[in-house]
C-alpha atoms as a PDB file:
ATOM      1  CA  MET A   1       0.070   0.010  -0.014  1.00  0.00           C
ATOM      2  CA  ILE A   2       1.240   3.509  -0.842  1.00  0.00           C
ATOM      3  CA  VAL A   3       0.065   6.345   1.285  1.00  0.00           C
ATOM      4  CA  LEU A   4       0.525  10.107   0.739  1.00  0.00           C
ATOM      5  CA  ARG A   5       0.010  12.446   3.549  1.00  0.00           C
ATOM      6  CA  ASN A   6      -0.164  16.124   3.199  1.00  0.00           C
ATOM      7  CA  VAL A   7       1.935  16.130   0.241  1.00  0.00           C
ATOM      8  CA  ASN A   8       2.865  19.448  -1.514  1.00  0.00           C
ATOM      9  CA  ARG A   9       5.072  19.824  -4.595  1.00  0.00           C
ATOM     10  CA  ILE A  10       6.239  23.300  -5.559  1.00  0.00           C
ATOM     11  CA  TYR A  11       8.624  24.084  -8.465  1.00  0.00           C
ATOM     12  CA  GLY A  12      10.543  27.335  -8.444  1.00  0.00           C
ATOM     13  CA  LYS A  13      10.709  30.109  -5.905  1.00  0.00           C
ATOM     14  CA  GLY A  14       9.025  33.329  -5.228  1.00  0.00           C
ATOM     15  CA  GLU A  15       6.772  34.896  -7.943  1.00  0.00           C
ATOM     16  CA  ASN A  16       7.854  32.185 -10.291  1.00  0.00           C
ATOM     17  CA  ALA A  17       6.738  29.305  -7.941  1.00  0.00           C
ATOM     18  CA  VAL A  18       4.259  26.814  -9.313  1.00  0.00           C
ATOM     19  CA  HIS A  19       2.279  24.935  -6.769  1.00  0.00           C
ATOM     20  CA  ALA A  20       1.701  21.751  -8.742  1.00  0.00           C
ATOM     21  CA  LEU A  21       0.278  19.594  -5.765  1.00  0.00           C
ATOM     22  CA  LYS A  22      -1.490  20.977  -2.807  1.00  0.00           C
ATOM     23  CA  ASP A  23      -2.014  18.976   0.497  1.00  0.00           C
ATOM     24  CA  ILE A  24      -2.708  15.591  -1.303  1.00  0.00           C
ATOM     25  CA  ASN A  25      -3.812  12.847   0.975  1.00  0.00           C
ATOM     26  CA  LEU A  26      -4.312   9.611  -0.869  1.00  0.00           C
ATOM     27  CA  VAL A  27      -4.217   5.730  -0.307  1.00  0.00           C
ATOM     28  CA  ILE A  28      -3.156   3.420  -3.179  1.00  0.00           C
ATOM     29  CA  GLU A  29      -4.422   0.082  -2.047  1.00  0.00           C
ATOM     30  CA  ASP A  30      -2.642  -3.213  -2.848  1.00  0.00           C
ATOM     31  CA  GLY A  31      -4.132  -5.219  -5.774  1.00  0.00           C
ATOM     32  CA  LYS A  32      -6.506  -2.392  -6.958  1.00  0.00           C
ATOM     33  CA  PHE A  33      -6.908  -0.457 -10.227  1.00  0.00           C
ATOM     34  CA  THR A  34      -6.830   3.168  -9.455  1.00  0.00           C
ATOM     35  CA  ALA A  35      -7.269   5.911 -12.138  1.00  0.00           C
ATOM     36  CA  ILE A  36      -5.977   9.539 -11.595  1.00  0.00           C
ATOM     37  CA  LEU A  37      -8.239  11.538 -13.946  1.00  0.00           C
ATOM     38  CA  GLY A  38      -7.456  15.260 -14.943  1.00  0.00           C
ATOM     39  CA  LYS A  39      -6.906  17.655 -17.649  1.00  0.00           C
ATOM     40  CA  SER A  40      -3.510  18.699 -18.969  1.00  0.00           C
ATOM     41  CA  GLY A  41      -1.740  20.863 -16.212  1.00  0.00           C
ATOM     42  CA  SER A  42      -3.951  19.415 -13.529  1.00  0.00           C
ATOM     43  CA  GLY A  43      -0.982  17.862 -11.737  1.00  0.00           C
ATOM     44  CA  LYS A  44      -1.838  14.244 -12.434  1.00  0.00           C
ATOM     45  CA  THR A  45       1.658  13.479 -13.783  1.00  0.00           C
ATOM     46  CA  THR A  46       3.346  15.140 -10.972  1.00  0.00           C
ATOM     47  CA  LEU A  47       1.239  12.957  -8.667  1.00  0.00           C
ATOM     48  CA  MET A  48       2.256   9.726 -10.511  1.00  0.00           C
ATOM     49  CA  ASN A  49       5.877  10.739 -10.283  1.00  0.00           C
ATOM     50  CA  ILE A  50       5.562  11.139  -6.518  1.00  0.00           C
ATOM     51  CA  ILE A  51       3.827   7.876  -6.237  1.00  0.00           C
ATOM     52  CA  GLY A  52       6.441   6.195  -8.330  1.00  0.00           C
ATOM     53  CA  ALA A  53       9.351   7.835  -6.459  1.00  0.00           C
ATOM     54  CA  ILE A  54      10.572   9.539  -9.596  1.00  0.00           C
ATOM     55  CA  ASP A  55      10.023  12.901  -7.931  1.00  0.00           C
ATOM     56  CA  THR A  56       9.970  13.788  -4.126  1.00  0.00           C
ATOM     57  CA  PRO A  57       7.439  16.127  -2.304  1.00  0.00           C
ATOM     58  CA  THR A  58       8.463  19.641  -1.226  1.00  0.00           C
ATOM     59  CA  SER A  59       6.632  18.766   2.010  1.00  0.00           C
ATOM     60  CA  GLY A  60       4.492  15.908   3.277  1.00  0.00           C
ATOM     61  CA  LYS A  61       5.172  12.169   3.478  1.00  0.00           C
ATOM     62  CA  VAL A  62       5.046   9.289   1.100  1.00  0.00           C
ATOM     63  CA  TYR A  63       4.955   5.699   2.601  1.00  0.00           C
ATOM     64  CA  SER A  64       5.255   2.384   0.905  1.00  0.00           C
ATOM     65  CA  GLY A  65       4.032  -0.030   3.490  1.00  0.00           C
ATOM     66  CA  ASP A  66       5.798   1.025   6.697  1.00  0.00           C
ATOM     67  CA  VAL A  67       8.715   2.676   4.756  1.00  0.00           C
ATOM     68  CA  ASP A  68       8.899   6.432   4.612  1.00  0.00           C
ATOM     69  CA  LEU A  69      10.373   7.118   1.218  1.00  0.00           C
ATOM     70  CA  SER A  70      11.873  10.398   2.289  1.00  0.00           C
ATOM     71  CA  SER A  71      14.117   8.592   4.767  1.00  0.00           C
ATOM     72  CA  LEU A  72      15.831   6.774   1.949  1.00  0.00           C
ATOM     73  CA  SER A  73      19.161   7.794   0.385  1.00  0.00           C
ATOM     74  CA  GLU A  74      19.208   8.352  -3.334  1.00  0.00           C
ATOM     75  CA  ASN A  75      20.712   4.983  -3.890  1.00  0.00           C
ATOM     76  CA  LYS A  76      18.117   3.121  -1.739  1.00  0.00           C
ATOM     77  CA  LEU A  77      15.343   5.246  -3.424  1.00  0.00           C
ATOM     78  CA  ALA A  78      16.543   4.128  -6.885  1.00  0.00           C
ATOM     79  CA  GLU A  79      16.754   0.519  -5.690  1.00  0.00           C
ATOM     80  CA  TYR A  80      13.149   0.733  -4.291  1.00  0.00           C
ATOM     81  CA  ARG A  81      11.913   2.289  -7.598  1.00  0.00           C
ATOM     82  CA  ASN A  82      13.589  -0.322  -9.680  1.00  0.00           C
ATOM     83  CA  LYS A  83      12.393  -3.288  -7.708  1.00  0.00           C
ATOM     84  CA  SER A  84       8.849  -2.184  -6.725  1.00  0.00           C
ATOM     85  CA  THR A  85       7.408  -0.082  -9.527  1.00  0.00           C
ATOM     86  CA  GLY A  86       6.963  -0.551 -13.361  1.00  0.00           C
ATOM     87  CA  PHE A  87       6.377   2.329 -15.611  1.00  0.00           C
ATOM     88  CA  VAL A  88       4.335   2.422 -18.811  1.00  0.00           C
ATOM     89  CA  PHE A  89       4.358   5.584 -20.991  1.00  0.00           C
ATOM     90  CA  GLN A  90       2.481   7.100 -23.719  1.00  0.00           C
ATOM     91  CA  SER A  91       5.526   7.222 -25.966  1.00  0.00           C
ATOM     92  CA  PHE A  92       6.706   3.703 -25.173  1.00  0.00           C
ATOM     93  CA  TYR A  93      10.377   4.618 -24.662  1.00  0.00           C
ATOM     94  CA  LEU A  94      11.707   1.565 -26.492  1.00  0.00           C
ATOM     95  CA  GLU A  95      15.248   1.382 -27.869  1.00  0.00           C
ATOM     96  CA  PRO A  96      14.267   1.204 -31.577  1.00  0.00           C
ATOM     97  CA  SER A  97      17.352  -0.809 -32.746  1.00  0.00           C
ATOM     98  CA  TYR A  98      16.975  -3.308 -29.959  1.00  0.00           C
ATOM     99  CA  THR A  99      14.917  -6.529 -30.109  1.00  0.00           C
ATOM    100  CA  VAL A 100      11.817  -7.036 -28.190  1.00  0.00           C
ATOM    101  CA  LEU A 101      13.776  -9.403 -25.977  1.00  0.00           C
ATOM    102  CA  GLU A 102      16.554  -6.781 -25.295  1.00  0.00           C
ATOM    103  CA  ASN A 103      13.904  -4.156 -24.566  1.00  0.00           C
ATOM    104  CA  VAL A 104      12.045  -6.199 -22.270  1.00  0.00           C
ATOM    105  CA  ALA A 105      15.127  -7.402 -20.391  1.00  0.00           C
ATOM    106  CA  MET A 106      16.409  -3.880 -20.015  1.00  0.00           C
ATOM    107  CA  PRO A 107      15.433  -3.483 -16.313  1.00  0.00           C
ATOM    108  CA  LEU A 108      17.307  -6.784 -15.543  1.00  0.00           C
ATOM    109  CA  THR A 109      20.201  -5.848 -17.499  1.00  0.00           C
ATOM    110  CA  ILE A 110      20.444  -2.549 -15.502  1.00  0.00           C
ATOM    111  CA  ALA A 111      20.118  -4.564 -12.246  1.00  0.00           C
ATOM    112  CA  GLY A 112      23.092  -6.626 -13.217  1.00  0.00           C
ATOM    113  CA  MET A 113      21.250 -10.023 -13.860  1.00  0.00           C
ATOM    114  CA  LYS A 114      23.233 -12.632 -15.748  1.00  0.00           C
ATOM    115  CA  ARG A 115      22.246 -12.916 -19.280  1.00  0.00           C
ATOM    116  CA  LYS A 116      20.754 -16.449 -19.333  1.00  0.00           C
ATOM    117  CA  GLU A 117      18.589 -15.701 -16.236  1.00  0.00           C
ATOM    118  CA  ARG A 118      17.269 -12.382 -17.571  1.00  0.00           C
ATOM    119  CA  GLU A 119      16.575 -13.800 -20.995  1.00  0.00           C
ATOM    120  CA  GLU A 120      14.538 -16.603 -19.484  1.00  0.00           C
ATOM    121  CA  LEU A 121      12.465 -14.217 -17.414  1.00  0.00           C
ATOM    122  CA  ALA A 122      11.980 -11.816 -20.430  1.00  0.00           C
ATOM    123  CA  LYS A 123      11.005 -14.647 -22.733  1.00  0.00           C
ATOM    124  CA  ASP A 124       8.407 -15.861 -20.164  1.00  0.00           C
ATOM    125  CA  ILE A 125       6.700 -12.503 -19.812  1.00  0.00           C
ATOM    126  CA  ILE A 126       6.852 -11.992 -23.603  1.00  0.00           C
ATOM    127  CA  ALA A 127       4.987 -15.169 -24.102  1.00  0.00           C
ATOM    128  CA  LYS A 128       2.371 -14.316 -21.543  1.00  0.00           C
ATOM    129  CA  LEU A 129       1.694 -11.140 -23.359  1.00  0.00           C
ATOM    130  CA  GLY A 130       1.295 -12.803 -26.651  1.00  0.00           C
ATOM    131  CA  LEU A 131       4.359 -11.518 -28.268  1.00  0.00           C
ATOM    132  CA  GLU A 132       6.401 -14.611 -28.637  1.00  0.00           C
ATOM    133  CA  ASP A 133       6.552 -14.406 -32.342  1.00  0.00           C
ATOM    134  CA  LYS A 134       7.967 -10.955 -32.079  1.00  0.00           C
ATOM    135  CA  THR A 135      10.854 -11.927 -29.676  1.00  0.00           C
ATOM    136  CA  TYR A 136      13.685 -11.071 -32.080  1.00  0.00           C
ATOM    137  CA  LYS A 137      11.966  -8.369 -34.063  1.00  0.00           C
ATOM    138  CA  LYS A 138      13.465  -4.753 -33.655  1.00  0.00           C
ATOM    139  CA  ALA A 139      11.163  -2.307 -31.700  1.00  0.00           C
ATOM    140  CA  ASN A 140      11.242  -0.090 -34.800  1.00  0.00           C
ATOM    141  CA  GLU A 141       9.480  -2.954 -36.813  1.00  0.00           C
ATOM    142  CA  LEU A 142       6.496  -3.086 -34.532  1.00  0.00           C
ATOM    143  CA  SER A 143       3.009  -1.489 -34.691  1.00  0.00           C
ATOM    144  CA  GLY A 144       1.950   1.025 -31.940  1.00  0.00           C
ATOM    145  CA  GLY A 145      -0.176  -1.558 -30.108  1.00  0.00           C
ATOM    146  CA  GLN A 146       2.747  -4.067 -30.171  1.00  0.00           C
ATOM    147  CA  LYS A 147       5.070  -1.420 -28.882  1.00  0.00           C
ATOM    148  CA  GLN A 148       2.910  -0.672 -25.993  1.00  0.00           C
ATOM    149  CA  ARG A 149       2.580  -4.380 -25.120  1.00  0.00           C
ATOM    150  CA  VAL A 150       6.504  -4.526 -25.086  1.00  0.00           C
ATOM    151  CA  SER A 151       6.428  -1.557 -22.888  1.00  0.00           C
ATOM    152  CA  ILE A 152       4.040  -3.227 -20.498  1.00  0.00           C
ATOM    153  CA  ALA A 153       6.127  -6.452 -20.708  1.00  0.00           C
ATOM    154  CA  ARG A 154       9.214  -4.420 -19.690  1.00  0.00           C
ATOM    155  CA  ALA A 155       7.347  -2.946 -16.758  1.00  0.00           C
ATOM    156  CA  LEU A 156       6.434  -6.359 -15.420  1.00  0.00           C
ATOM    157  CA  VAL A 157       9.648  -8.301 -16.038  1.00  0.00           C
ATOM    158  CA  HIS A 158      11.064  -7.504 -12.616  1.00  0.00           C
ATOM    159  CA  ASN A 159       7.801  -8.423 -10.950  1.00  0.00           C
ATOM    160  CA  PRO A 160       7.022  -5.056  -9.262  1.00  0.00           C
ATOM    161  CA  ALA A 161       4.165  -4.478  -6.875  1.00  0.00           C
ATOM    162  CA  VAL A 162       2.932  -1.503  -8.642  1.00  0.00           C
ATOM    163  CA  ILE A 163       2.389  -0.550 -12.414  1.00  0.00           C
ATOM    164  CA  LEU A 164       2.144   3.178 -13.139  1.00  0.00           C
ATOM    165  CA  ALA A 165       0.669   3.744 -16.587  1.00  0.00           C
ATOM    166  CA  ASP A 166       0.819   7.449 -17.846  1.00  0.00           C
ATOM    167  CA  GLU A 167      -1.713   7.908 -20.743  1.00  0.00           C
ATOM    168  CA  PRO A 168      -0.907   4.444 -21.984  1.00  0.00           C
ATOM    169  CA  THR A 169      -3.557   4.554 -24.883  1.00  0.00           C
ATOM    170  CA  GLY A 170      -2.622   8.136 -25.988  1.00  0.00           C
ATOM    171  CA  ASN A 171      -0.861   7.076 -29.189  1.00  0.00           C
ATOM    172  CA  LEU A 172      -3.068   4.217 -30.030  1.00  0.00           C
ATOM    173  CA  ASP A 173      -6.255   3.712 -32.033  1.00  0.00           C
ATOM    174  CA  SER A 174      -9.420   2.766 -30.291  1.00  0.00           C
ATOM    175  CA  GLN A 175      -8.974  -1.007 -30.826  1.00  0.00           C
ATOM    176  CA  ASN A 176      -5.449  -1.151 -29.567  1.00  0.00           C
ATOM    177  CA  GLY A 177      -6.334   1.180 -26.675  1.00  0.00           C
ATOM    178  CA  ALA A 178      -9.142  -1.174 -25.554  1.00  0.00           C
ATOM    179  CA  GLU A 179      -6.616  -4.063 -25.683  1.00  0.00           C
ATOM    180  CA  VAL A 180      -4.204  -2.236 -23.495  1.00  0.00           C
ATOM    181  CA  MET A 181      -6.937  -1.343 -20.911  1.00  0.00           C
ATOM    182  CA  ALA A 182      -7.935  -5.007 -20.926  1.00  0.00           C
ATOM    183  CA  LEU A 183      -4.381  -6.110 -20.388  1.00  0.00           C
ATOM    184  CA  LEU A 184      -3.986  -3.636 -17.453  1.00  0.00           C
ATOM    185  CA  LYS A 185      -7.226  -5.182 -15.911  1.00  0.00           C
ATOM    186  CA  GLU A 186      -5.763  -8.600 -16.149  1.00  0.00           C
ATOM    187  CA  ILE A 187      -2.646  -7.540 -14.491  1.00  0.00           C
ATOM    188  CA  VAL A 188      -4.742  -6.349 -11.446  1.00  0.00           C
ATOM    189  CA  LYS A 189      -6.250  -9.804 -11.220  1.00  0.00           C
ATOM    190  CA  THR A 190      -2.745 -11.202 -10.525  1.00  0.00           C
ATOM    191  CA  GLY A 191      -2.557  -9.146  -7.355  1.00  0.00           C
ATOM    192  CA  LYS A 192      -0.600  -6.082  -8.536  1.00  0.00           C
ATOM    193  CA  SER A 193      -1.690  -2.566  -7.994  1.00  0.00           C
ATOM    194  CA  VAL A 194      -2.277  -0.530 -11.237  1.00  0.00           C
ATOM    195  CA  VAL A 195      -2.286   3.172 -11.234  1.00  0.00           C
ATOM    196  CA  LEU A 196      -3.612   4.729 -14.560  1.00  0.00           C
ATOM    197  CA  VAL A 197      -3.059   8.493 -15.216  1.00  0.00           C
ATOM    198  CA  THR A 198      -5.259   9.851 -17.894  1.00  0.00           C
ATOM    199  CA  HIS A 199      -7.352  12.744 -19.151  1.00  0.00           C
ATOM    200  CA  ASN A 200      -9.804  10.251 -20.770  1.00  0.00           C
ATOM    201  CA  MET A 201     -12.943   9.328 -18.732  1.00  0.00           C
ATOM    202  CA  GLU A 202     -13.715   6.294 -20.933  1.00  0.00           C
ATOM    203  CA  ASP A 203     -10.264   4.759 -20.013  1.00  0.00           C
ATOM    204  CA  ALA A 204     -10.711   5.828 -16.215  1.00  0.00           C
ATOM    205  CA  LYS A 205     -13.967   3.879 -16.140  1.00  0.00           C
ATOM    206  CA  ASN A 206     -11.992   0.718 -16.225  1.00  0.00           C
ATOM    207  CA  ALA A 207     -10.696   1.392 -12.912  1.00  0.00           C
ATOM    208  CA  GLU A 208     -12.082   0.312  -9.523  1.00  0.00           C
ATOM    209  CA  ASN A 209     -11.426   3.929  -8.178  1.00  0.00           C
ATOM    210  CA  ILE A 210     -11.156   7.301  -9.864  1.00  0.00           C
ATOM    211  CA  ILE A 211      -9.334  10.074  -8.323  1.00  0.00           C
ATOM    212  CA  ASN A 212     -10.210  13.414  -9.925  1.00  0.00           C
ATOM    213  CA  ILE A 213      -7.497  16.062  -9.691  1.00  0.00           C
ATOM    214  CA  LYS A 214      -7.803  19.670 -10.706  1.00  0.00           C
ATOM    215  CA  ASP A 215      -5.261  22.560 -10.269  1.00  0.00           C
ATOM    216  CA  GLY A 216      -3.127  20.200  -7.999  1.00  0.00           C
ATOM    217  CA  VAL A 217      -6.026  19.405  -5.745  1.00  0.00           C
ATOM    218  CA  ILE A 218      -7.985  16.099  -5.361  1.00  0.00           C
ATOM    219  CA  SER A 219     -11.397  17.464  -6.069  1.00  0.00           C
ATOM    220  CA  ALA A 220     -13.320  14.130  -5.897  1.00  0.00           C
ATOM    221  CA  GLU A 221     -12.965  10.371  -5.396  1.00  0.00           C
ATOM    222  CA  TYR A 222     -15.234   7.834  -7.128  1.00  0.00           C
ATOM    223  CA  MET A 223     -15.580   4.147  -6.476  1.00  0.00           C
ATOM    224  CA  ASN A 224     -16.815   1.760  -9.132  1.00  0.00           C
ATOM    225  CA  LYS A 225     -19.840  -0.050  -8.000  1.00  0.00           C
ATOM    226  CA  TYR A 226     -19.330  -2.804 -10.606  1.00  0.00           C
ATOM    227  CA  LYS A 227     -15.902  -4.118 -10.393  1.00  0.00           C
ATOM    228  CA  PHE A 228     -14.515  -4.608 -13.917  1.00  0.00           C
ATOM    229  CA  LYS A 229     -17.891  -4.329 -15.587  1.00  0.00           C
ATOM    230  CA  ASP A 230     -17.336  -4.613 -19.343  1.00  0.00           C
ATOM    231  CA  ASP A 231     -20.132  -2.070 -20.076  1.00  0.00           C
ATOM    232  CA  ILE A 232     -18.497   1.377 -20.583  1.00  0.00           C
ATOM    233  CA  SER A 233     -21.364   2.919 -18.774  1.00  0.00           C
ATOM    234  CA  SER A 234     -20.122   1.697 -15.481  1.00  0.00           C
ATOM    235  CA  GLU A 235     -21.793   3.589 -12.520  1.00  0.00           C
ATOM    236  CA  PHE A 236     -19.639   5.434  -9.971  1.00  0.00           C
ATOM    237  CA  GLU A 237     -20.558   6.832  -6.651  1.00  0.00           C
ATOM    238  CA  ILE A 238     -18.822   9.753  -4.945  1.00  0.00           C
ATOM    239  CA  VAL A 239     -17.066   8.530  -1.847  1.00  0.00           C
ATOM    240  CA  GLU A 240     -15.222  11.878  -1.118  1.00  0.00           C
ATOM    241  CA  ASN A 241     -15.613  15.404  -2.301  1.00  0.00           C
ATOM    242  CA  ASN A 242     -13.262  17.910  -0.859  1.00  0.00           C
END
């Protein structure tokens, strides 16, 4: 479980200061699908970066279980991030000249895992995501939907507890976008937490909980009454409105 308590994030100083997050209190429960919904500039990506320990709060606390992340050194924080969190981005961030296998194995390569072991783990997750026939294809030979699947495989290969997905359907057509959302829902069913950051309410409706953020403030929280209902018109009830 990840807990944010009175988190503020301010960039710059004085008249140029930007208060990107304001007194955020939030719980990301284990094994749940949470969506952070907001327009461009709302603070949603900053919030994701704080949750994923890419960025640190100006004030406030972030806990992962019983661990206060602010108490960790830079090296320990990087170790936590690399072991506990997987990231999926709109732009994929694959190495175009690398094969699917090499891209998926990248976190394990960085961690210093031996080649045979990392390739076995990477091949296993590639097969689970239906990309076995693309194992030795270069990333620049893949379609957008296939690239995002590779990105998700890379995020999963080191078996993190939390997957953070920032606008993962943003560069995809509707069919591939729907397939990516279905895949994220399947990941949650394995016991992992998924945090989706999006401006798209239709994508957010796939989640069990929706956190609405506006101008750096959580304006409302919604809970899905029908867990993983396939109908896009899933009903939500407001459980908190600040």
